[in-house]
Amino acid sequence: RAIDRIIALDYEGLLKTVSKEDISMCGVIPAAVAIVAAKELGATAGKLVTYATSGETSGDYNHVVGYAGIVIQ
């Protein structure tokens, strides 16, 4: 859900979603600032490049950390 808000360049929605859904996202404030700055510079879209979790490396899917690569352009 947080990734969807970043792709939509919706910084307010990102902050609300992370708070409401109790998502433990590292760097939520820097991500929101990056969205605002990118939009000021003319960005109109975000694109998910890749997504993975720590479970893919460790094999432990009970406690995972997700990683997303997103391009804002």
PDB file of N, CA and C in Angstrom:
ATOM      1  N   ARG A   1       0.814  -1.188   0.000  1.00  0.00           N
ATOM      2  CA  ARG A   1       0.000   0.000   0.000  1.00  0.00           C
ATOM      3  C   ARG A   1       0.861   1.257   0.000  1.00  0.00           C
ATOM      4  N   ALA A   2       1.969   1.247   0.733  1.00  0.00           N
ATOM      5  CA  ALA A   2       2.870   2.403   0.750  1.00  0.00           C
ATOM      6  C   ALA A   2       3.521   2.580  -0.618  1.00  0.00           C
ATOM      7  N   ILE A   3       3.913   1.488  -1.225  1.00  0.00           N
ATOM      8  CA  ILE A   3       4.530   1.565  -2.559  1.00  0.00           C
ATOM      9  C   ILE A   3       3.551   2.165  -3.556  1.00  0.00           C
ATOM     10  N   ASP A   4       2.292   1.784  -3.475  1.00  0.00           N
ATOM     11  CA  ASP A   4       1.282   2.346  -4.379  1.00  0.00           C
ATOM     12  C   ASP A   4       1.200   3.856  -4.241  1.00  0.00           C
ATOM     13  N   ARG A   5       1.318   4.366  -3.013  1.00  0.00           N
ATOM     14  CA  ARG A   5       1.232   5.815  -2.793  1.00  0.00           C
ATOM     15  C   ARG A   5       2.463   6.511  -3.357  1.00  0.00           C
ATOM     16  N   ILE A   6       3.636   5.875  -3.253  1.00  0.00           N
ATOM     17  CA  ILE A   6       4.856   6.470  -3.812  1.00  0.00           C
ATOM     18  C   ILE A   6       4.746   6.516  -5.332  1.00  0.00           C
ATOM     19  N   ILE A   7       4.319   5.436  -5.934  1.00  0.00           N
ATOM     20  CA  ILE A   7       4.176   5.392  -7.396  1.00  0.00           C
ATOM     21  C   ILE A   7       3.196   6.455  -7.876  1.00  0.00           C
ATOM     22  N   ALA A   8       2.165   6.715  -7.088  1.00  0.00           N
ATOM     23  CA  ALA A   8       1.174   7.735  -7.443  1.00  0.00           C
ATOM     24  C   ALA A   8       1.669   9.151  -7.126  1.00  0.00           C
ATOM     25  N   LEU A   9       2.863   9.251  -6.571  1.00  0.00           N
ATOM     26  CA  LEU A   9       3.438  10.533  -6.150  1.00  0.00           C
ATOM     27  C   LEU A   9       2.518  11.260  -5.173  1.00  0.00           C
ATOM     28  N   ASP A  10       1.934  10.500  -4.280  1.00  0.00           N
ATOM     29  CA  ASP A  10       0.982  11.000  -3.294  1.00  0.00           C
ATOM     30  C   ASP A  10       1.640  10.987  -1.916  1.00  0.00           C
ATOM     31  N   TYR A  11       2.377  12.052  -1.610  1.00  0.00           N
ATOM     32  CA  TYR A  11       3.115  12.071  -0.344  1.00  0.00           C
ATOM     33  C   TYR A  11       2.177  12.098   0.859  1.00  0.00           C
ATOM     34  N   GLU A  12       1.065  12.825   0.748  1.00  0.00           N
ATOM     35  CA  GLU A  12       0.122  12.859   1.867  1.00  0.00           C
ATOM     36  C   GLU A  12      -0.487  11.475   2.095  1.00  0.00           C
ATOM     37  N   GLY A  13      -0.857  10.814   1.001  1.00  0.00           N
ATOM     38  CA  GLY A  13      -1.397   9.466   1.106  1.00  0.00           C
ATOM     39  C   GLY A  13      -0.381   8.493   1.665  1.00  0.00           C
ATOM     40  N   LEU A  14       0.884   8.674   1.304  1.00  0.00           N
ATOM     41  CA  LEU A  14       1.951   7.824   1.837  1.00  0.00           C
ATOM     42  C   LEU A  14       2.025   7.969   3.353  1.00  0.00           C
ATOM     43  N   LEU A  15       2.074   9.199   3.832  1.00  0.00           N
ATOM     44  CA  LEU A  15       2.175   9.431   5.276  1.00  0.00           C
ATOM     45  C   LEU A  15       0.952   8.885   6.010  1.00  0.00           C
ATOM     46  N   LYS A  16      -0.229   9.101   5.452  1.00  0.00           N
ATOM     47  CA  LYS A  16      -1.460   8.602   6.079  1.00  0.00           C
ATOM     48  C   LYS A  16      -1.511   7.079   6.078  1.00  0.00           C
ATOM     49  N   THR A  17      -1.136   6.473   4.960  1.00  0.00           N
ATOM     50  CA  THR A  17      -1.174   5.016   4.848  1.00  0.00           C
ATOM     51  C   THR A  17      -0.211   4.364   5.824  1.00  0.00           C
ATOM     52  N   VAL A  18       0.998   4.880   5.898  1.00  0.00           N
ATOM     53  CA  VAL A  18       1.996   4.316   6.810  1.00  0.00           C
ATOM     54  C   VAL A  18       1.503   4.419   8.258  1.00  0.00           C
ATOM     55  N   SER A  19       0.905   5.543   8.595  1.00  0.00           N
ATOM     56  CA  SER A  19       0.394   5.724   9.956  1.00  0.00           C
ATOM     57  C   SER A  19      -0.832   4.850  10.225  1.00  0.00           C
ATOM     58  N   LYS A  20      -1.807   4.919   9.338  1.00  0.00           N
ATOM     59  CA  LYS A  20      -3.067   4.192   9.536  1.00  0.00           C
ATOM     60  C   LYS A  20      -2.872   2.683   9.533  1.00  0.00           C
ATOM     61  N   GLU A  21      -2.030   2.191   8.635  1.00  0.00           N
ATOM     62  CA  GLU A  21      -1.812   0.749   8.492  1.00  0.00           C
ATOM     63  C   GLU A  21      -0.704   0.231   9.414  1.00  0.00           C
ATOM     64  N   ASP A  22      -0.109   1.138  10.202  1.00  0.00           N
ATOM     65  CA  ASP A  22       0.975   0.786  11.122  1.00  0.00           C
ATOM     66  C   ASP A  22       2.117   0.082  10.395  1.00  0.00           C
ATOM     67  N   ILE A  23       2.507   0.649   9.261  1.00  0.00           N
ATOM     68  CA  ILE A  23       3.602   0.114   8.451  1.00  0.00           C
ATOM     69  C   ILE A  23       4.918   0.652   9.014  1.00  0.00           C
ATOM     70  N   SER A  24       5.866  -0.226   9.276  1.00  0.00           N
ATOM     71  CA  SER A  24       7.163   0.203   9.810  1.00  0.00           C
ATOM     72  C   SER A  24       8.118   0.436   8.636  1.00  0.00           C
ATOM     73  N   MET A  25       7.907   1.553   7.964  1.00  0.00           N
ATOM     74  CA  MET A  25       8.709   1.905   6.790  1.00  0.00           C
ATOM     75  C   MET A  25       9.862   2.809   7.196  1.00  0.00           C
ATOM     76  N   CYS A  26      11.076   2.355   6.956  1.00  0.00           N
ATOM     77  CA  CYS A  26      12.241   3.201   7.189  1.00  0.00           C
ATOM     78  C   CYS A  26      12.282   4.272   6.102  1.00  0.00           C
ATOM     79  N   GLY A  27      12.502   5.506   6.493  1.00  0.00           N
ATOM     80  CA  GLY A  27      12.665   6.575   5.517  1.00  0.00           C
ATOM     81  C   GLY A  27      11.378   7.136   4.954  1.00  0.00           C
ATOM     82  N   VAL A  28      10.276   7.016   5.681  1.00  0.00           N
ATOM     83  CA  VAL A  28       9.011   7.531   5.156  1.00  0.00           C
ATOM     84  C   VAL A  28       9.063   9.050   4.964  1.00  0.00           C
ATOM     85  N   ILE A  29       9.664   9.774   5.888  1.00  0.00           N
ATOM     86  CA  ILE A  29       9.746  11.233   5.747  1.00  0.00           C
ATOM     87  C   ILE A  29      10.653  11.611   4.571  1.00  0.00           C
ATOM     88  N   PRO A  30      11.856  11.020   4.444  1.00  0.00           N
ATOM     89  CA  PRO A  30      12.666  11.330   3.269  1.00  0.00           C
ATOM     90  C   PRO A  30      11.964  10.952   1.954  1.00  0.00           C
ATOM     91  N   ALA A  31      11.201   9.873   1.956  1.00  0.00           N
ATOM     92  CA  ALA A  31      10.472   9.484   0.744  1.00  0.00           C
ATOM     93  C   ALA A  31       9.418  10.530   0.406  1.00  0.00           C
ATOM     94  N   ALA A  32       8.714  11.026   1.421  1.00  0.00           N
ATOM     95  CA  ALA A  32       7.707  12.061   1.191  1.00  0.00           C
ATOM     96  C   ALA A  32       8.363  13.342   0.665  1.00  0.00           C
ATOM     97  N   VAL A  33       9.480  13.715   1.247  1.00  0.00           N
ATOM     98  CA  VAL A  33      10.208  14.908   0.789  1.00  0.00           C
ATOM     99  C   VAL A  33      10.690  14.720  -0.652  1.00  0.00           C
ATOM    100  N   ALA A  34      11.180  13.534  -0.971  1.00  0.00           N
ATOM    101  CA  ALA A  34      11.635  13.248  -2.339  1.00  0.00           C
ATOM    102  C   ALA A  34      10.485  13.377  -3.336  1.00  0.00           C
ATOM    103  N   ILE A  35       9.299  12.924  -2.948  1.00  0.00           N
ATOM    104  CA  ILE A  35       8.138  13.047  -3.831  1.00  0.00           C
ATOM    105  C   ILE A  35       7.815  14.519  -4.070  1.00  0.00           C
ATOM    106  N   VAL A  36       7.783  15.304  -3.016  1.00  0.00           N
ATOM    107  CA  VAL A  36       7.487  16.734  -3.151  1.00  0.00           C
ATOM    108  C   VAL A  36       8.521  17.403  -4.049  1.00  0.00           C
ATOM    109  N   ALA A  37       9.796  17.144  -3.794  1.00  0.00           N
ATOM    110  CA  ALA A  37      10.861  17.753  -4.593  1.00  0.00           C
ATOM    111  C   ALA A  37      10.782  17.319  -6.051  1.00  0.00           C
ATOM    112  N   ALA A  38      10.550  16.041  -6.275  1.00  0.00           N
ATOM    113  CA  ALA A  38      10.471  15.538  -7.646  1.00  0.00           C
ATOM    114  C   ALA A  38       9.310  16.181  -8.393  1.00  0.00           C
ATOM    115  N   LYS A  39       8.174  16.323  -7.723  1.00  0.00           N
ATOM    116  CA  LYS A  39       7.024  16.961  -8.369  1.00  0.00           C
ATOM    117  C   LYS A  39       7.320  18.427  -8.688  1.00  0.00           C
ATOM    118  N   GLU A  40       8.019  19.103  -7.784  1.00  0.00           N
ATOM    119  CA  GLU A  40       8.408  20.499  -8.031  1.00  0.00           C
ATOM    120  C   GLU A  40       9.325  20.603  -9.248  1.00  0.00           C
ATOM    121  N   LEU A  41      10.091  19.559  -9.481  1.00  0.00           N
ATOM    122  CA  LEU A  41      11.010  19.531 -10.625  1.00  0.00           C
ATOM    123  C   LEU A  41      10.359  18.969 -11.886  1.00  0.00           C
ATOM    124  N   GLY A  42       9.063  18.659 -11.818  1.00  0.00           N
ATOM    125  CA  GLY A  42       8.342  18.234 -13.008  1.00  0.00           C
ATOM    126  C   GLY A  42       7.993  16.761 -13.101  1.00  0.00           C
ATOM    127  N   ALA A  43       8.293  15.983 -12.089  1.00  0.00           N
ATOM    128  CA  ALA A  43       7.974  14.557 -12.143  1.00  0.00           C
ATOM    129  C   ALA A  43       6.462  14.361 -12.206  1.00  0.00           C
ATOM    130  N   THR A  44       6.062  13.355 -12.960  1.00  0.00           N
ATOM    131  CA  THR A  44       4.633  13.080 -13.119  1.00  0.00           C
ATOM    132  C   THR A  44       4.268  11.633 -12.816  1.00  0.00           C
ATOM    133  N   ALA A  45       5.268  10.781 -12.624  1.00  0.00           N
ATOM    134  CA  ALA A  45       4.946   9.365 -12.409  1.00  0.00           C
ATOM    135  C   ALA A  45       6.070   8.659 -11.663  1.00  0.00           C
ATOM    136  N   GLY A  46       5.673   7.610 -10.988  1.00  0.00           N
ATOM    137  CA  GLY A  46       6.630   6.717 -10.362  1.00  0.00           C
ATOM    138  C   GLY A  46       6.470   5.337 -10.971  1.00  0.00           C
ATOM    139  N   LYS A  47       7.541   4.568 -10.961  1.00  0.00           N
ATOM    140  CA  LYS A  47       7.492   3.221 -11.534  1.00  0.00           C
ATOM    141  C   LYS A  47       8.264   2.272 -10.626  1.00  0.00           C
ATOM    142  N   LEU A  48       7.624   1.176 -10.251  1.00  0.00           N
ATOM    143  CA  LEU A  48       8.294   0.151  -9.463  1.00  0.00           C
ATOM    144  C   LEU A  48       9.238  -0.621 -10.370  1.00  0.00           C
ATOM    145  N   VAL A  49      10.508  -0.589 -10.024  1.00  0.00           N
ATOM    146  CA  VAL A  49      11.520  -1.291 -10.814  1.00  0.00           C
ATOM    147  C   VAL A  49      11.662  -2.726 -10.332  1.00  0.00           C
ATOM    148  N   THR A  50      11.730  -2.891  -9.013  1.00  0.00           N
ATOM    149  CA  THR A  50      11.836  -4.229  -8.442  1.00  0.00           C
ATOM    150  C   THR A  50      11.383  -4.216  -6.986  1.00  0.00           C
ATOM    151  N   TYR A  51      10.986  -5.377  -6.506  1.00  0.00           N
ATOM    152  CA  TYR A  51      10.593  -5.544  -5.111  1.00  0.00           C
ATOM    153  C   TYR A  51      11.068  -6.916  -4.660  1.00  0.00           C
ATOM    154  N   ALA A  52      11.618  -6.960  -3.462  1.00  0.00           N
ATOM    155  CA  ALA A  52      12.081  -8.227  -2.894  1.00  0.00           C
ATOM    156  C   ALA A  52      11.958  -8.151  -1.378  1.00  0.00           C
ATOM    157  N   THR A  53      12.068  -9.299  -0.733  1.00  0.00           N
ATOM    158  CA  THR A  53      12.066  -9.334   0.726  1.00  0.00           C
ATOM    159  C   THR A  53      13.286 -10.082   1.226  1.00  0.00           C
ATOM    160  N   SER A  54      13.587  -9.851   2.485  1.00  0.00           N
ATOM    161  CA  SER A  54      14.717 -10.550   3.100  1.00  0.00           C
ATOM    162  C   SER A  54      14.465 -12.049   3.171  1.00  0.00           C
ATOM    163  N   GLY A  55      13.216 -12.452   3.129  1.00  0.00           N
ATOM    164  CA  GLY A  55      12.887 -13.876   3.155  1.00  0.00           C
ATOM    165  C   GLY A  55      13.430 -14.624   1.961  1.00  0.00           C
ATOM    166  N   GLU A  56      13.584 -13.934   0.853  1.00  0.00           N
ATOM    167  CA  GLU A  56      14.122 -14.572  -0.348  1.00  0.00           C
ATOM    168  C   GLU A  56      15.577 -14.969  -0.166  1.00  0.00           C
ATOM    169  N   THR A  57      16.273 -14.297   0.731  1.00  0.00           N
ATOM    170  CA  THR A  57      17.670 -14.623   1.008  1.00  0.00           C
ATOM    171  C   THR A  57      17.798 -15.587   2.177  1.00  0.00           C
ATOM    172  N   SER A  58      17.050 -15.290   3.249  1.00  0.00           N
ATOM    173  CA  SER A  58      17.198 -16.091   4.467  1.00  0.00           C
ATOM    174  C   SER A  58      16.333 -17.345   4.483  1.00  0.00           C
ATOM    175  N   GLY A  59      15.247 -17.318   3.720  1.00  0.00           N
ATOM    176  CA  GLY A  59      14.313 -18.434   3.751  1.00  0.00           C
ATOM    177  C   GLY A  59      13.276 -18.306   4.864  1.00  0.00           C
ATOM    178  N   ASP A  60      13.448 -17.336   5.745  1.00  0.00           N
ATOM    179  CA  ASP A  60      12.506 -17.096   6.842  1.00  0.00           C
ATOM    180  C   ASP A  60      11.470 -16.077   6.387  1.00  0.00           C
ATOM    181  N   TYR A  61      10.275 -16.553   6.104  1.00  0.00           N
ATOM    182  CA  TYR A  61       9.209 -15.663   5.643  1.00  0.00           C
ATOM    183  C   TYR A  61       8.284 -15.233   6.779  1.00  0.00           C
ATOM    184  N   ASN A  62       8.603 -15.612   8.011  1.00  0.00           N
ATOM    185  CA  ASN A  62       7.797 -15.207   9.157  1.00  0.00           C
ATOM    186  C   ASN A  62       8.083 -13.773   9.574  1.00  0.00           C
ATOM    187  N   HIS A  63       9.313 -13.348   9.398  1.00  0.00           N
ATOM    188  CA  HIS A  63       9.728 -11.995   9.759  1.00  0.00           C
ATOM    189  C   HIS A  63      10.569 -11.452   8.604  1.00  0.00           C
ATOM    190  N   VAL A  64       9.949 -10.638   7.775  1.00  0.00           N
ATOM    191  CA  VAL A  64      10.674 -10.154   6.601  1.00  0.00           C
ATOM    192  C   VAL A  64      10.741  -8.632   6.570  1.00  0.00           C
ATOM    193  N   VAL A  65      11.724  -8.158   5.829  1.00  0.00           N
ATOM    194  CA  VAL A  65      11.868  -6.748   5.500  1.00  0.00           C
ATOM    195  C   VAL A  65      11.727  -6.660   3.993  1.00  0.00           C
ATOM    196  N   GLY A  66      10.911  -5.720   3.521  1.00  0.00           N
ATOM    197  CA  GLY A  66      10.731  -5.550   2.086  1.00  0.00           C
ATOM    198  C   GLY A  66      11.613  -4.428   1.569  1.00  0.00           C
ATOM    199  N   TYR A  67      12.027  -4.581   0.337  1.00  0.00           N
ATOM    200  CA  TYR A  67      12.865  -3.587  -0.330  1.00  0.00           C
ATOM    201  C   TYR A  67      12.248  -3.280  -1.686  1.00  0.00           C
ATOM    202  N   ALA A  68      12.112  -1.992  -1.999  1.00  0.00           N
ATOM    203  CA  ALA A  68      11.538  -1.603  -3.286  1.00  0.00           C
ATOM    204  C   ALA A  68      12.475  -0.625  -3.975  1.00  0.00           C
ATOM    205  N   GLY A  69      12.633  -0.823  -5.269  1.00  0.00           N
ATOM    206  CA  GLY A  69      13.339   0.137  -6.116  1.00  0.00           C
ATOM    207  C   GLY A  69      12.297   0.867  -6.931  1.00  0.00           C
ATOM    208  N   ILE A  70      12.199   2.164  -6.750  1.00  0.00           N
ATOM    209  CA  ILE A  70      11.188   2.958  -7.445  1.00  0.00           C
ATOM    210  C   ILE A  70      11.873   4.120  -8.150  1.00  0.00           C
ATOM    211  N   VAL A  71      11.530   4.304  -9.413  1.00  0.00           N
ATOM    212  CA  VAL A  71      12.033   5.419 -10.198  1.00  0.00           C
ATOM    213  C   VAL A  71      10.933   6.469 -10.258  1.00  0.00           C
ATOM    214  N   ILE A  72      11.276   7.692  -9.943  1.00  0.00           N
ATOM    215  CA  ILE A  72      10.332   8.805 -10.063  1.00  0.00           C
ATOM    216  C   ILE A  72      10.824   9.668 -11.206  1.00  0.00           C
ATOM    217  N   GLN A  73       9.919   9.865 -12.174  1.00  0.00           N
ATOM    218  CA  GLN A  73      10.332  10.646 -13.356  1.00  0.00           C
ATOM    219  C   GLN A  73       9.268  11.614 -13.798  1.00  0.00           C
TER     220      GLN A  73
END
